[in-house]
């Protein structure tokens, strides 16, 4: 994409690629806010496009300029299931599973000790405006950082977070006063869409979605963080699913955290 950079990053846990977009022109007096986007192969371009369009029409969109830093795995795949499961979780799922988990602390250390200094070396940034953005399992990680290491970022955007993975741990976090959190989900993440109802796999899909309760859990978790002191917002977008909700959740979340 025009106006972007790519940096290789080596860590004991594996290699990453850092996609970086720095706004043109002079930074504001306090430096640019930084948007750290997890699973950059899938979502860096989406966040950057939404931000550029919004910042260009700031008065109407309510969105300021910012640096976008996408954390990506090597290769062309949008998602690396093995590494994302390791990086974004503090332990195994309540449903079990065969992929390794529990790398959450090591991955957060990479974000804070390697990615953040890299970004700061490329332009003037505002250390007090650091936004973490994640979808699905990365949305779980986003909320987990808020719950247990809330000082790491100022703002949190979690789209379709996989709260079902370990809801008990999220609820065991401490106070989160002074933080902002935007949580969003699609209506069809907890129910069958009309076009799915006649499919052979419909009963199994409906059972899984009901069990994971993506909509109910997201709304309840947003309320939980609000009660713990955060400025919290929740949106359930009608007629959207786990994939189609992404740009809507990101756009609404960015407007919330960058509107000031």
C-alpha atoms as a PDB file:
ATOM      1  CA  UNK A   1       0.000   0.000   0.000  1.00  0.00           C
ATOM      2  CA  UNK A   2       1.311   3.524  -0.760  1.00  0.00           C
ATOM      3  CA  UNK A   3       2.856   5.292   2.202  1.00  0.00           C
ATOM      4  CA  UNK A   4       3.580   2.148   4.198  1.00  0.00           C
ATOM      5  CA  UNK A   5       6.696   0.374   5.464  1.00  0.00           C
ATOM      6  CA  UNK A   6       7.465  -3.248   6.318  1.00  0.00           C
ATOM      7  CA  UNK A   7       9.971  -4.229   9.009  1.00  0.00           C
ATOM      8  CA  UNK A   8      11.220  -7.703   9.921  1.00  0.00           C
ATOM      9  CA  UNK A   9      11.191  -8.549  13.610  1.00  0.00           C
ATOM     10  CA  UNK A  10      12.888 -11.579  15.137  1.00  0.00           C
ATOM     11  CA  UNK A  11      11.951 -12.826  18.591  1.00  0.00           C
ATOM     12  CA  UNK A  12      12.640 -16.022  20.569  1.00  0.00           C
ATOM     13  CA  UNK A  13       9.039 -17.066  19.878  1.00  0.00           C
ATOM     14  CA  UNK A  14       9.220 -16.607  16.118  1.00  0.00           C
ATOM     15  CA  UNK A  15       9.455 -14.001  13.388  1.00  0.00           C
ATOM     16  CA  UNK A  16       6.962 -11.209  12.735  1.00  0.00           C
ATOM     17  CA  UNK A  17       6.462  -8.555  10.100  1.00  0.00           C
ATOM     18  CA  UNK A  18       5.560  -5.048  11.207  1.00  0.00           C
ATOM     19  CA  UNK A  19       3.501  -3.070   8.723  1.00  0.00           C
ATOM     20  CA  UNK A  20       3.767   0.634   9.482  1.00  0.00           C
ATOM     21  CA  UNK A  21       1.868   3.643   8.126  1.00  0.00           C
ATOM     22  CA  UNK A  22       2.892   7.127   9.282  1.00  0.00           C
ATOM     23  CA  UNK A  23       0.606  10.057   8.432  1.00  0.00           C
ATOM     24  CA  UNK A  24       2.120  12.693   6.157  1.00  0.00           C
ATOM     25  CA  UNK A  25       2.916  16.139   7.490  1.00  0.00           C
ATOM     26  CA  UNK A  26       3.844  17.400  10.904  1.00  0.00           C
ATOM     27  CA  UNK A  27       2.665  15.443  13.950  1.00  0.00           C
ATOM     28  CA  UNK A  28       0.480  17.177  16.531  1.00  0.00           C
ATOM     29  CA  UNK A  29       2.315  18.773  19.497  1.00  0.00           C
ATOM     30  CA  UNK A  30       2.050  15.647  21.627  1.00  0.00           C
ATOM     31  CA  UNK A  31       2.841  13.219  18.796  1.00  0.00           C
ATOM     32  CA  UNK A  32       0.606  10.892  16.815  1.00  0.00           C
ATOM     33  CA  UNK A  33      -1.582   8.296  18.539  1.00  0.00           C
ATOM     34  CA  UNK A  34      -0.539   4.744  17.666  1.00  0.00           C
ATOM     35  CA  UNK A  35      -2.981   2.033  16.572  1.00  0.00           C
ATOM     36  CA  UNK A  36      -1.526  -1.430  17.137  1.00  0.00           C
ATOM     37  CA  UNK A  37      -3.429  -3.846  14.901  1.00  0.00           C
ATOM     38  CA  UNK A  38      -3.198  -7.572  15.620  1.00  0.00           C
ATOM     39  CA  UNK A  39      -3.189 -10.076  12.727  1.00  0.00           C
ATOM     40  CA  UNK A  40      -1.865  -7.483  10.337  1.00  0.00           C
ATOM     41  CA  UNK A  41      -2.070  -9.708   7.252  1.00  0.00           C
ATOM     42  CA  UNK A  42      -5.837  -9.648   7.607  1.00  0.00           C
ATOM     43  CA  UNK A  43      -6.626  -6.260   9.157  1.00  0.00           C
ATOM     44  CA  UNK A  44      -3.822  -3.715   8.683  1.00  0.00           C
ATOM     45  CA  UNK A  45      -5.150  -2.541   5.313  1.00  0.00           C
ATOM     46  CA  UNK A  46      -8.720  -2.390   6.640  1.00  0.00           C
ATOM     47  CA  UNK A  47      -7.791  -0.229   9.631  1.00  0.00           C
ATOM     48  CA  UNK A  48      -5.549   2.010   7.551  1.00  0.00           C
ATOM     49  CA  UNK A  49      -8.176   2.594   4.883  1.00  0.00           C
ATOM     50  CA  UNK A  50     -10.867   3.412   7.461  1.00  0.00           C
ATOM     51  CA  UNK A  51      -8.527   5.762   9.317  1.00  0.00           C
ATOM     52  CA  UNK A  52      -7.332   7.574   6.211  1.00  0.00           C
ATOM     53  CA  UNK A  53     -10.857   8.116   4.956  1.00  0.00           C
ATOM     54  CA  UNK A  54     -12.090   9.199   8.357  1.00  0.00           C
ATOM     55  CA  UNK A  55      -9.209  11.554   9.106  1.00  0.00           C
ATOM     56  CA  UNK A  56      -9.597  13.178   5.693  1.00  0.00           C
ATOM     57  CA  UNK A  57     -13.149  14.103   6.714  1.00  0.00           C
ATOM     58  CA  UNK A  58     -12.507  14.599  10.404  1.00  0.00           C
ATOM     59  CA  UNK A  59     -15.352  17.017  11.066  1.00  0.00           C
ATOM     60  CA  UNK A  60     -17.902  14.558   9.713  1.00  0.00           C
ATOM     61  CA  UNK A  61     -16.260  11.267  10.704  1.00  0.00           C
ATOM     62  CA  UNK A  62     -14.992  12.261  14.152  1.00  0.00           C
ATOM     63  CA  UNK A  63     -11.641  10.581  13.570  1.00  0.00           C
ATOM     64  CA  UNK A  64      -8.094  11.970  13.970  1.00  0.00           C
ATOM     65  CA  UNK A  65      -4.899  10.935  12.209  1.00  0.00           C
ATOM     66  CA  UNK A  66      -2.712   8.247  13.754  1.00  0.00           C
ATOM     67  CA  UNK A  67       0.114   5.828  13.122  1.00  0.00           C
ATOM     68  CA  UNK A  68      -1.044   2.321  12.204  1.00  0.00           C
ATOM     69  CA  UNK A  69       1.240  -0.564  13.179  1.00  0.00           C
ATOM     70  CA  UNK A  70       0.128  -3.996  11.969  1.00  0.00           C
ATOM     71  CA  UNK A  71       1.629  -7.062  13.658  1.00  0.00           C
ATOM     72  CA  UNK A  72       1.763  -9.831  11.053  1.00  0.00           C
ATOM     73  CA  UNK A  73       3.129 -13.326  10.730  1.00  0.00           C
ATOM     74  CA  UNK A  74       5.431 -14.171   7.804  1.00  0.00           C
ATOM     75  CA  UNK A  75       3.795 -15.490   4.660  1.00  0.00           C
ATOM     76  CA  UNK A  76       0.707 -14.587   2.693  1.00  0.00           C
ATOM     77  CA  UNK A  77      -1.921 -16.343   4.831  1.00  0.00           C
ATOM     78  CA  UNK A  78      -4.411 -14.008   6.480  1.00  0.00           C
ATOM     79  CA  UNK A  79      -4.353 -16.073   9.667  1.00  0.00           C
ATOM     80  CA  UNK A  80      -1.731 -18.399  11.149  1.00  0.00           C
ATOM     81  CA  UNK A  81      -3.927 -20.601  13.333  1.00  0.00           C
ATOM     82  CA  UNK A  82      -1.104 -22.208  15.275  1.00  0.00           C
ATOM     83  CA  UNK A  83       0.748 -19.017  16.158  1.00  0.00           C
ATOM     84  CA  UNK A  84      -2.332 -16.897  16.811  1.00  0.00           C
ATOM     85  CA  UNK A  85      -3.685 -19.499  19.225  1.00  0.00           C
ATOM     86  CA  UNK A  86      -0.393 -19.431  21.100  1.00  0.00           C
ATOM     87  CA  UNK A  87       0.099 -15.663  21.075  1.00  0.00           C
ATOM     88  CA  UNK A  88      -3.418 -14.547  21.959  1.00  0.00           C
ATOM     89  CA  UNK A  89      -4.231 -16.893  24.839  1.00  0.00           C
ATOM     90  CA  UNK A  90      -3.162 -17.188  28.453  1.00  0.00           C
ATOM     91  CA  UNK A  91      -4.054 -20.874  28.569  1.00  0.00           C
ATOM     92  CA  UNK A  92      -6.188 -23.566  26.957  1.00  0.00           C
ATOM     93  CA  UNK A  93      -9.783 -23.046  25.936  1.00  0.00           C
ATOM     94  CA  UNK A  94     -12.632 -24.288  28.100  1.00  0.00           C
ATOM     95  CA  UNK A  95     -13.562 -26.349  25.025  1.00  0.00           C
ATOM     96  CA  UNK A  96     -10.121 -27.960  24.798  1.00  0.00           C
ATOM     97  CA  UNK A  97      -8.158 -28.208  21.557  1.00  0.00           C
ATOM     98  CA  UNK A  98      -4.898 -29.525  20.157  1.00  0.00           C
ATOM     99  CA  UNK A  99      -3.082 -26.283  19.273  1.00  0.00           C
ATOM    100  CA  UNK A 100      -0.512 -24.851  21.714  1.00  0.00           C
ATOM    101  CA  UNK A 101      -1.724 -22.000  23.901  1.00  0.00           C
ATOM    102  CA  UNK A 102      -0.487 -19.822  26.753  1.00  0.00           C
ATOM    103  CA  UNK A 103       1.909 -17.443  24.971  1.00  0.00           C
ATOM    104  CA  UNK A 104      -0.003 -14.315  25.929  1.00  0.00           C
ATOM    105  CA  UNK A 105       2.638 -12.829  28.265  1.00  0.00           C
ATOM    106  CA  UNK A 106       5.505 -13.379  25.840  1.00  0.00           C
ATOM    107  CA  UNK A 107       3.548 -11.821  22.983  1.00  0.00           C
ATOM    108  CA  UNK A 108       2.592  -8.777  25.061  1.00  0.00           C
ATOM    109  CA  UNK A 109       6.273  -8.368  25.887  1.00  0.00           C
ATOM    110  CA  UNK A 110       7.046  -8.304  22.150  1.00  0.00           C
ATOM    111  CA  UNK A 111       4.455  -5.575  21.624  1.00  0.00           C
ATOM    112  CA  UNK A 112       5.746  -3.406  24.447  1.00  0.00           C
ATOM    113  CA  UNK A 113       9.507  -3.981  24.298  1.00  0.00           C
ATOM    114  CA  UNK A 114      10.114  -4.433  20.584  1.00  0.00           C
ATOM    115  CA  UNK A 115       7.231  -3.135  18.493  1.00  0.00           C
ATOM    116  CA  UNK A 116       6.585   0.037  20.489  1.00  0.00           C
ATOM    117  CA  UNK A 117      10.229   1.257  20.394  1.00  0.00           C
ATOM    118  CA  UNK A 118      10.388   0.482  16.674  1.00  0.00           C
ATOM    119  CA  UNK A 119       7.360   2.652  15.999  1.00  0.00           C
ATOM    120  CA  UNK A 120       8.670   5.462  18.225  1.00  0.00           C
ATOM    121  CA  UNK A 121      11.972   5.453  16.320  1.00  0.00           C
ATOM    122  CA  UNK A 122      10.181   6.228  13.041  1.00  0.00           C
ATOM    123  CA  UNK A 123       8.117   9.281  14.058  1.00  0.00           C
ATOM    124  CA  UNK A 124       6.892  11.376  16.984  1.00  0.00           C
ATOM    125  CA  UNK A 125       4.234   9.422  18.877  1.00  0.00           C
ATOM    126  CA  UNK A 126       2.050  10.168  21.863  1.00  0.00           C
ATOM    127  CA  UNK A 127       2.896   7.612  24.578  1.00  0.00           C
ATOM    128  CA  UNK A 128      -0.382   8.409  26.316  1.00  0.00           C
ATOM    129  CA  UNK A 129      -2.506   7.460  23.268  1.00  0.00           C
ATOM    130  CA  UNK A 130      -1.820   3.846  22.458  1.00  0.00           C
ATOM    131  CA  UNK A 131      -4.697   1.852  20.959  1.00  0.00           C
ATOM    132  CA  UNK A 132      -4.872  -1.961  20.756  1.00  0.00           C
ATOM    133  CA  UNK A 133      -7.162  -3.491  18.109  1.00  0.00           C
ATOM    134  CA  UNK A 134      -8.065  -7.178  17.791  1.00  0.00           C
ATOM    135  CA  UNK A 135     -10.729  -9.377  16.191  1.00  0.00           C
ATOM    136  CA  UNK A 136     -11.956 -12.795  17.354  1.00  0.00           C
ATOM    137  CA  UNK A 137      -9.168 -14.542  19.311  1.00  0.00           C
ATOM    138  CA  UNK A 138      -7.121 -11.344  19.034  1.00  0.00           C
ATOM    139  CA  UNK A 139     -10.174  -9.578  20.476  1.00  0.00           C
ATOM    140  CA  UNK A 140      -9.932 -11.918  23.464  1.00  0.00           C
ATOM    141  CA  UNK A 141      -6.265 -10.940  23.829  1.00  0.00           C
ATOM    142  CA  UNK A 142      -7.228  -7.267  23.615  1.00  0.00           C
ATOM    143  CA  UNK A 143      -9.707  -7.593  26.469  1.00  0.00           C
ATOM    144  CA  UNK A 144      -7.315  -9.775  28.460  1.00  0.00           C
ATOM    145  CA  UNK A 145      -4.626  -7.069  28.297  1.00  0.00           C
ATOM    146  CA  UNK A 146      -7.186  -4.517  29.473  1.00  0.00           C
ATOM    147  CA  UNK A 147      -8.229  -6.783  32.340  1.00  0.00           C
ATOM    148  CA  UNK A 148      -4.757  -7.737  33.568  1.00  0.00           C
ATOM    149  CA  UNK A 149      -2.298  -5.173  32.135  1.00  0.00           C
ATOM    150  CA  UNK A 150      -4.556  -2.207  31.518  1.00  0.00           C
ATOM    151  CA  UNK A 151      -1.732   0.341  31.756  1.00  0.00           C
ATOM    152  CA  UNK A 152      -0.133  -1.101  28.621  1.00  0.00           C
ATOM    153  CA  UNK A 153      -2.528   0.799  26.317  1.00  0.00           C
ATOM    154  CA  UNK A 154      -4.887   3.731  26.684  1.00  0.00           C
ATOM    155  CA  UNK A 155      -7.675   2.419  24.449  1.00  0.00           C
ATOM    156  CA  UNK A 156      -8.959  -0.997  23.436  1.00  0.00           C
ATOM    157  CA  UNK A 157     -11.047  -2.049  20.424  1.00  0.00           C
ATOM    158  CA  UNK A 158     -12.294  -5.650  20.491  1.00  0.00           C
ATOM    159  CA  UNK A 159     -14.385  -6.857  17.552  1.00  0.00           C
ATOM    160  CA  UNK A 160     -16.168 -10.209  17.991  1.00  0.00           C
ATOM    161  CA  UNK A 161     -13.961 -11.172  20.958  1.00  0.00           C
ATOM    162  CA  UNK A 162     -13.772 -14.902  21.730  1.00  0.00           C
ATOM    163  CA  UNK A 163     -14.796 -14.398  25.351  1.00  0.00           C
ATOM    164  CA  UNK A 164     -16.004 -17.996  25.553  1.00  0.00           C
ATOM    165  CA  UNK A 165     -12.357 -19.139  25.484  1.00  0.00           C
ATOM    166  CA  UNK A 166     -11.864 -18.161  29.150  1.00  0.00           C
ATOM    167  CA  UNK A 167     -14.492 -15.727  30.416  1.00  0.00           C
ATOM    168  CA  UNK A 168     -13.612 -16.447  34.037  1.00  0.00           C
ATOM    169  CA  UNK A 169     -10.098 -15.054  33.565  1.00  0.00           C
ATOM    170  CA  UNK A 170     -11.408 -11.847  31.985  1.00  0.00           C
ATOM    171  CA  UNK A 171     -13.740 -11.260  34.888  1.00  0.00           C
ATOM    172  CA  UNK A 172     -10.892 -11.809  37.371  1.00  0.00           C
ATOM    173  CA  UNK A 173      -9.044  -8.680  36.217  1.00  0.00           C
ATOM    174  CA  UNK A 174      -8.586  -5.527  38.249  1.00  0.00           C
ATOM    175  CA  UNK A 175      -9.895  -1.958  37.995  1.00  0.00           C
ATOM    176  CA  UNK A 176      -9.584  -0.269  34.592  1.00  0.00           C
ATOM    177  CA  UNK A 177     -10.333   3.352  35.420  1.00  0.00           C
ATOM    178  CA  UNK A 178      -9.300   5.909  32.829  1.00  0.00           C
ATOM    179  CA  UNK A 179      -9.324   3.445  29.933  1.00  0.00           C
ATOM    180  CA  UNK A 180     -11.663   3.349  26.945  1.00  0.00           C
ATOM    181  CA  UNK A 181     -12.940   0.091  25.493  1.00  0.00           C
ATOM    182  CA  UNK A 182     -15.092  -0.481  22.417  1.00  0.00           C
ATOM    183  CA  UNK A 183     -16.679  -3.920  22.049  1.00  0.00           C
ATOM    184  CA  UNK A 184     -18.701  -4.933  18.996  1.00  0.00           C
ATOM    185  CA  UNK A 185     -20.252  -8.065  17.539  1.00  0.00           C
ATOM    186  CA  UNK A 186     -22.559  -9.142  14.710  1.00  0.00           C
ATOM    187  CA  UNK A 187     -26.131 -10.326  15.221  1.00  0.00           C
ATOM    188  CA  UNK A 188     -25.512 -13.556  13.298  1.00  0.00           C
ATOM    189  CA  UNK A 189     -22.635 -14.603  15.547  1.00  0.00           C
ATOM    190  CA  UNK A 190     -25.157 -16.007  18.005  1.00  0.00           C
ATOM    191  CA  UNK A 191     -27.898 -17.040  15.602  1.00  0.00           C
ATOM    192  CA  UNK A 192     -28.264 -18.524  12.156  1.00  0.00           C
ATOM    193  CA  UNK A 193     -28.540 -16.159   9.230  1.00  0.00           C
ATOM    194  CA  UNK A 194     -31.559 -16.815   6.993  1.00  0.00           C
ATOM    195  CA  UNK A 195     -29.363 -18.235   4.231  1.00  0.00           C
ATOM    196  CA  UNK A 196     -27.802 -20.743   6.672  1.00  0.00           C
ATOM    197  CA  UNK A 197     -30.987 -22.309   8.012  1.00  0.00           C
ATOM    198  CA  UNK A 198     -31.411 -24.981   5.368  1.00  0.00           C
ATOM    199  CA  UNK A 199     -27.787 -26.138   5.306  1.00  0.00           C
ATOM    200  CA  UNK A 200     -26.931 -29.682   6.485  1.00  0.00           C
ATOM    201  CA  UNK A 201     -24.612 -28.296   9.153  1.00  0.00           C
ATOM    202  CA  UNK A 202     -27.200 -25.817  10.475  1.00  0.00           C
ATOM    203  CA  UNK A 203     -28.047 -27.718  13.707  1.00  0.00           C
ATOM    204  CA  UNK A 204     -24.379 -28.045  14.690  1.00  0.00           C
ATOM    205  CA  UNK A 205     -23.690 -24.420  13.825  1.00  0.00           C
ATOM    206  CA  UNK A 206     -26.693 -23.221  15.822  1.00  0.00           C
ATOM    207  CA  UNK A 207     -25.650 -25.304  18.833  1.00  0.00           C
ATOM    208  CA  UNK A 208     -22.083 -23.942  18.776  1.00  0.00           C
ATOM    209  CA  UNK A 209     -23.197 -20.347  18.433  1.00  0.00           C
ATOM    210  CA  UNK A 210     -25.728 -20.698  21.217  1.00  0.00           C
ATOM    211  CA  UNK A 211     -23.096 -22.259  23.477  1.00  0.00           C
ATOM    212  CA  UNK A 212     -20.501 -19.588  22.793  1.00  0.00           C
ATOM    213  CA  UNK A 213     -23.084 -16.789  23.141  1.00  0.00           C
ATOM    214  CA  UNK A 214     -20.922 -14.227  21.350  1.00  0.00           C
ATOM    215  CA  UNK A 215     -23.498 -11.423  21.507  1.00  0.00           C
ATOM    216  CA  UNK A 216     -24.568 -11.902  25.107  1.00  0.00           C
ATOM    217  CA  UNK A 217     -21.030 -12.329  26.372  1.00  0.00           C
ATOM    218  CA  UNK A 218     -19.746  -9.286  24.479  1.00  0.00           C
ATOM    219  CA  UNK A 219     -22.504  -7.082  25.852  1.00  0.00           C
ATOM    220  CA  UNK A 220     -22.008  -8.370  29.374  1.00  0.00           C
ATOM    221  CA  UNK A 221     -18.226  -7.932  29.184  1.00  0.00           C
ATOM    222  CA  UNK A 222     -18.574  -4.342  27.983  1.00  0.00           C
ATOM    223  CA  UNK A 223     -20.815  -3.706  30.984  1.00  0.00           C
ATOM    224  CA  UNK A 224     -18.298  -5.455  33.245  1.00  0.00           C
ATOM    225  CA  UNK A 225     -15.470  -3.157  32.159  1.00  0.00           C
ATOM    226  CA  UNK A 226     -17.754  -0.166  32.507  1.00  0.00           C
ATOM    227  CA  UNK A 227     -18.474  -1.157  36.082  1.00  0.00           C
ATOM    228  CA  UNK A 228     -14.712  -1.574  36.639  1.00  0.00           C
ATOM    229  CA  UNK A 229     -14.148   2.073  35.707  1.00  0.00           C
ATOM    230  CA  UNK A 230     -13.598   2.144  31.935  1.00  0.00           C
ATOM    231  CA  UNK A 231     -15.436   4.332  29.458  1.00  0.00           C
ATOM    232  CA  UNK A 232     -17.130   1.435  27.692  1.00  0.00           C
ATOM    233  CA  UNK A 233     -19.200   1.210  24.516  1.00  0.00           C
ATOM    234  CA  UNK A 234     -20.956  -1.783  22.963  1.00  0.00           C
ATOM    235  CA  UNK A 235     -22.523  -2.298  19.539  1.00  0.00           C
ATOM    236  CA  UNK A 236     -24.350  -5.286  18.089  1.00  0.00           C
ATOM    237  CA  UNK A 237     -24.650  -4.788  14.336  1.00  0.00           C
ATOM    238  CA  UNK A 238     -27.783  -6.330  12.798  1.00  0.00           C
ATOM    239  CA  UNK A 239     -27.499  -8.826   9.936  1.00  0.00           C
ATOM    240  CA  UNK A 240     -23.700  -9.115  10.275  1.00  0.00           C
ATOM    241  CA  UNK A 241     -21.585 -12.202  10.904  1.00  0.00           C
ATOM    242  CA  UNK A 242     -18.136 -12.921  12.338  1.00  0.00           C
ATOM    243  CA  UNK A 243     -16.399 -11.731   9.159  1.00  0.00           C
ATOM    244  CA  UNK A 244     -18.662  -9.002   7.821  1.00  0.00           C
ATOM    245  CA  UNK A 245     -18.799  -7.130  11.135  1.00  0.00           C
ATOM    246  CA  UNK A 246     -15.069  -6.316  11.112  1.00  0.00           C
ATOM    247  CA  UNK A 247     -15.042  -2.987   9.221  1.00  0.00           C
ATOM    248  CA  UNK A 248     -18.135  -1.775  11.078  1.00  0.00           C
ATOM    249  CA  UNK A 249     -16.686  -2.591  14.491  1.00  0.00           C
ATOM    250  CA  UNK A 250     -13.339  -1.015  13.652  1.00  0.00           C
ATOM    251  CA  UNK A 251     -14.906   2.139  12.229  1.00  0.00           C
ATOM    252  CA  UNK A 252     -17.205   2.658  15.197  1.00  0.00           C
ATOM    253  CA  UNK A 253     -14.394   1.867  17.637  1.00  0.00           C
ATOM    254  CA  UNK A 254     -11.973   4.303  15.996  1.00  0.00           C
ATOM    255  CA  UNK A 255     -14.562   7.056  16.094  1.00  0.00           C
ATOM    256  CA  UNK A 256     -14.993   6.422  19.804  1.00  0.00           C
ATOM    257  CA  UNK A 257     -11.304   6.400  20.782  1.00  0.00           C
ATOM    258  CA  UNK A 258      -9.972   8.988  18.306  1.00  0.00           C
ATOM    259  CA  UNK A 259     -12.855  11.419  18.295  1.00  0.00           C
ATOM    260  CA  UNK A 260     -11.336  13.699  20.897  1.00  0.00           C
END
